[in-house]
Each structure stands twice: as C-alpha cells, then as structure tokens.
C-alpha cells in the first residue's frame, strides 16, 4: 500500500507541484499507519446487564466529539452524537454506548448511514426497539471544496419504536439540547 501511495504523491507532485521529495519521504508510511490505527479501532466487547430494577425511562448519552470520514471524498466529518434508548430486559454500561459510536464512526461512510448503523447496533445489542440517534456534524468536503460553505452543520436522526411518537421524541430532543 505504501508504494501505491508514494506513486500517487509523485503524480500529485508532477501535476500540481505541491511537494518536494524530502517533505513526502515518510508520508506513505504515515498514511498507512493512520488508516491502520483509525479503521482497526472498532472492535470491543459490548457488555449487557439484566435490567433488575425494571428501569423503563430514557437512557441518553451525549458523545460530544466523534470523527469520521466521508466516503465520497475521503475528507473528515466530525461533530456530536446523542444516543438514547428505553430499556426492556437489558441495560449496558455507559462506556459501551460511546464505544458503539466510535465503532461506526471509524470507517469511510456518509452520515446518514452512520446514524442508522448506530441505531441498528444498539437495537441488536440491547434487544429493544425504542432507540433514537441524533448526529450533528461539520463536513470538510463542503467547507474546503465544492460550495465552500463555512461551518455547515448537517443533522441526521434515526428513530424506532416509541420514539416514532411525538411526545417521547420531543422529550429526547429537549433533553439533548440541555447542557
């Protein structure tokens, strides 16, 4: 992979006059290391516990920072994620929700897919249909190319179960807007 990246950089050098040989000598190795570190950081153990107290209200985690990559341009998008669910028979440790977000963020994709993947992953792990996910993200592919819009914020949501009803959806949105 390093050699192909080196060839690509040399072509960019010819086409645009960007780099000198010294500047990019170790760049292919760094790029491979980045992708290896970022994309392989996805596996984890999702521990669940019995919901012994029969807690039946919303559980919400706001993950203030995530980083992902647009699959169309291989440029970053980043922002915040709010994940919520209403437990049935199972609950999970709060760090598992953050790890679930990181798992799905650590791959090139579009934001809409990431939103749905997090929802589906949580439904599967906790065996509940009552899940809602909201992602707010800035996309560098819009900021530094194309329309070159400053600070665009794309918001996506995925809802299932009871969150399809207006009242619980509004409660979720109100709770995630609070600091």
Protein backbone atom coordinates (compact mmCIF):
# COMPACT_ATOMS: atom_id res chain seq x y z
CA UNK A 1 0.00 0.00 0.00
CA UNK A 2 2.84 2.39 0.83
CA UNK A 3 4.27 2.12 -2.69
CA UNK A 4 0.92 2.95 -4.32
CA UNK A 5 0.58 6.00 -2.05
CA UNK A 6 4.13 7.05 -2.94
CA UNK A 7 3.25 6.80 -6.66
CA UNK A 8 0.08 8.84 -6.11
CA UNK A 9 2.03 11.56 -4.27
CA UNK A 10 4.62 11.67 -7.05
CA UNK A 11 1.83 12.13 -9.61
CA UNK A 12 0.41 14.96 -7.49
CA UNK A 13 3.88 16.46 -7.34
CA UNK A 14 4.11 16.36 -11.15
CA UNK A 15 0.59 17.66 -11.72
CA UNK A 16 0.41 20.39 -9.08
CA UNK A 17 4.00 20.98 -7.95
CA UNK A 18 2.98 20.50 -4.32
CA UNK A 19 5.78 18.61 -2.63
CA UNK A 20 9.47 18.10 -2.69
CA UNK A 21 10.92 14.62 -2.16
CA UNK A 22 12.11 15.39 1.37
CA UNK A 23 8.67 16.52 2.56
CA UNK A 24 6.93 13.33 1.49
CA UNK A 25 9.63 10.77 2.18
CA UNK A 26 7.78 9.21 5.16
CA UNK A 27 4.26 10.31 4.21
CA UNK A 28 3.17 6.96 2.71
CA UNK A 29 4.16 5.19 5.93
CA UNK A 30 2.27 7.79 8.00
CA UNK A 31 -0.86 7.44 5.85
CA UNK A 32 -0.86 3.66 6.19
CA UNK A 33 -0.29 3.97 9.95
CA UNK A 34 -3.19 6.44 10.26
CA UNK A 35 -5.63 4.20 8.41
CA UNK A 36 -4.49 1.14 10.31
CA UNK A 37 -4.89 2.90 13.67
CA UNK A 38 -8.18 4.60 12.82
CA UNK A 39 -10.02 1.87 10.95
CA UNK A 40 -8.98 -1.01 13.20
CA UNK A 41 -10.12 0.78 16.35
CA UNK A 42 -13.59 -0.74 16.08
CA UNK A 43 -13.77 -3.99 17.98
CA UNK A 44 -14.84 -4.07 21.60
CA UNK A 45 -16.92 -6.16 23.96
CA UNK A 46 -20.46 -4.87 24.43
CA UNK A 47 -21.40 -5.97 27.93
CA UNK A 48 -25.07 -6.01 28.86
CA UNK A 49 -26.71 -6.47 32.24
CA UNK A 50 -30.14 -7.58 33.31
CA UNK A 51 -32.44 -4.64 34.00
CA UNK A 52 -33.08 -5.84 37.55
CA UNK A 53 -34.91 -2.69 38.67
CA UNK A 54 -37.08 -2.68 35.52
CA UNK A 55 -35.95 0.84 34.66
CA UNK A 56 -38.25 1.97 31.85
CA UNK A 57 -37.27 5.60 31.23
CA UNK A 58 -34.87 7.10 28.71
CA UNK A 59 -31.17 6.45 28.93
CA UNK A 60 -29.29 9.10 26.93
CA UNK A 61 -25.60 9.57 26.24
CA UNK A 62 -24.27 12.66 24.53
CA UNK A 63 -20.94 11.97 22.85
CA UNK A 64 -19.55 15.48 22.34
CA UNK A 65 -16.86 14.57 19.80
CA UNK A 66 -16.67 11.96 17.09
CA UNK A 67 -14.63 11.88 13.90
CA UNK A 68 -15.50 10.04 10.72
CA UNK A 69 -14.62 10.18 7.04
CA UNK A 70 -16.80 10.99 4.06
CA UNK A 71 -16.70 8.04 1.69
CA UNK A 72 -17.25 10.30 -1.32
CA UNK A 73 -14.16 12.49 -0.83
CA UNK A 74 -12.16 10.82 1.97
CA UNK A 75 -12.36 14.06 3.93
CA UNK A 76 -13.30 14.23 7.62
CA UNK A 77 -16.66 14.99 9.09
CA UNK A 78 -16.99 15.46 12.82
CA UNK A 79 -19.41 16.53 15.47
CA UNK A 80 -21.59 15.20 18.25
CA UNK A 81 -23.88 12.22 18.69
CA UNK A 82 -26.78 11.74 21.08
CA UNK A 83 -27.85 8.14 21.61
CA UNK A 84 -30.90 7.18 23.62
CA UNK A 85 -32.88 4.09 24.40
CA UNK A 86 -35.60 2.84 26.69
CA UNK A 87 -34.51 -0.42 28.31
CA UNK A 88 -36.53 -3.57 28.17
CA UNK A 89 -34.78 -6.54 29.78
CA UNK A 90 -31.20 -5.34 29.25
CA UNK A 91 -29.07 -2.27 30.01
CA UNK A 92 -25.43 -1.55 29.22
CA UNK A 93 -22.51 0.27 30.74
CA UNK A 94 -22.38 3.87 29.56
CA UNK A 95 -18.92 3.47 28.02
CA UNK A 96 -20.39 0.84 25.70
CA UNK A 97 -22.60 3.48 24.09
CA UNK A 98 -19.54 5.65 23.41
CA UNK A 99 -17.66 2.65 22.02
CA UNK A 100 -20.60 1.80 19.77
CA UNK A 101 -20.44 5.34 18.34
CA UNK A 102 -16.68 5.05 17.83
CA UNK A 103 -17.08 1.66 16.14
CA UNK A 104 -19.41 3.02 13.49
CA UNK A 105 -17.58 6.34 13.13
CA UNK A 106 -14.26 4.61 12.36
CA UNK A 107 -14.90 3.93 8.68
CA UNK A 108 -15.44 5.94 5.50
CA UNK A 109 -19.18 6.48 5.04
CA UNK A 110 -21.96 9.00 4.79
CA UNK A 111 -23.52 10.49 7.89
CA UNK A 112 -26.97 9.09 7.15
CA UNK A 113 -25.60 5.55 7.15
CA UNK A 114 -23.65 6.09 10.36
CA UNK A 115 -26.82 7.31 12.08
CA UNK A 116 -28.75 4.22 11.03
CA UNK A 117 -25.86 1.86 11.87
CA UNK A 118 -25.69 3.17 15.44
CA UNK A 119 -29.46 2.76 15.83
CA UNK A 120 -29.43 -0.78 14.43
CA UNK A 121 -26.39 -1.75 16.51
CA UNK A 122 -28.00 -0.58 19.73
CA UNK A 123 -31.32 -2.26 18.93
CA UNK A 124 -29.48 -5.52 18.32
CA UNK A 125 -27.23 -5.36 21.39
CA UNK A 126 -29.97 -4.38 23.86
CA UNK A 127 -32.89 -6.18 22.26
CA UNK A 128 -35.10 -3.08 22.32
CA UNK A 129 -36.91 -1.27 19.54
CA UNK A 130 -37.01 2.00 21.47
CA UNK A 131 -33.88 3.75 20.22
CA UNK A 132 -33.13 7.25 18.91
CA UNK A 133 -29.91 8.69 17.50
CA UNK A 134 -29.17 12.29 16.51
CA UNK A 135 -25.91 13.30 14.85
CA UNK A 136 -24.79 16.88 14.23
CA UNK A 137 -21.68 17.17 12.11
CA UNK A 138 -19.50 19.51 10.10
CA UNK A 139 -18.28 18.16 6.77
CA UNK A 140 -14.92 19.34 5.47
CA UNK A 141 -15.91 18.18 1.98
CA UNK A 142 -18.38 21.11 2.00
CA UNK A 143 -16.04 23.56 3.69
CA UNK A 144 -12.87 23.23 1.62
CA UNK A 145 -14.21 22.13 -1.76
CA UNK A 146 -17.35 22.42 -3.84
CA UNK A 147 -19.67 25.06 -2.38
CA UNK A 148 -17.08 26.05 0.26
CA UNK A 149 -19.72 26.76 2.90
CA UNK A 150 -18.44 27.98 6.27
CA UNK A 151 -19.34 25.81 9.26
CA UNK A 152 -22.20 23.83 7.70
CA UNK A 153 -23.98 21.65 10.23
CA UNK A 154 -25.73 18.56 8.96
CA UNK A 155 -28.23 16.98 11.34
CA UNK A 156 -29.46 13.42 10.91
CA UNK A 157 -31.70 11.31 13.09
CA UNK A 158 -32.78 7.71 13.22
CA UNK A 159 -35.74 6.68 15.32
CA UNK A 160 -37.52 3.46 16.13
CA UNK A 161 -40.14 2.10 18.47
CA UNK A 162 -41.74 4.51 20.91
CA UNK A 163 -39.59 7.40 19.58
CA UNK A 164 -41.76 7.44 16.46
CA UNK A 165 -44.37 9.08 18.71
CA UNK A 166 -44.14 12.85 19.05
CA UNK A 167 -44.05 13.13 22.85
CA UNK A 168 -41.04 10.87 23.58
CA UNK A 169 -39.21 12.25 20.55
CA UNK A 170 -39.74 15.82 21.82
CA UNK A 171 -38.61 14.82 25.31
CA UNK A 172 -35.43 13.29 23.87
CA UNK A 173 -34.71 16.42 21.81
CA UNK A 174 -35.33 18.69 24.81
CA UNK A 175 -33.00 16.62 27.00
CA UNK A 176 -30.15 16.58 24.49
CA UNK A 177 -30.34 20.34 23.94
CA UNK A 178 -29.71 20.98 27.65
CA UNK A 179 -26.10 21.34 28.76
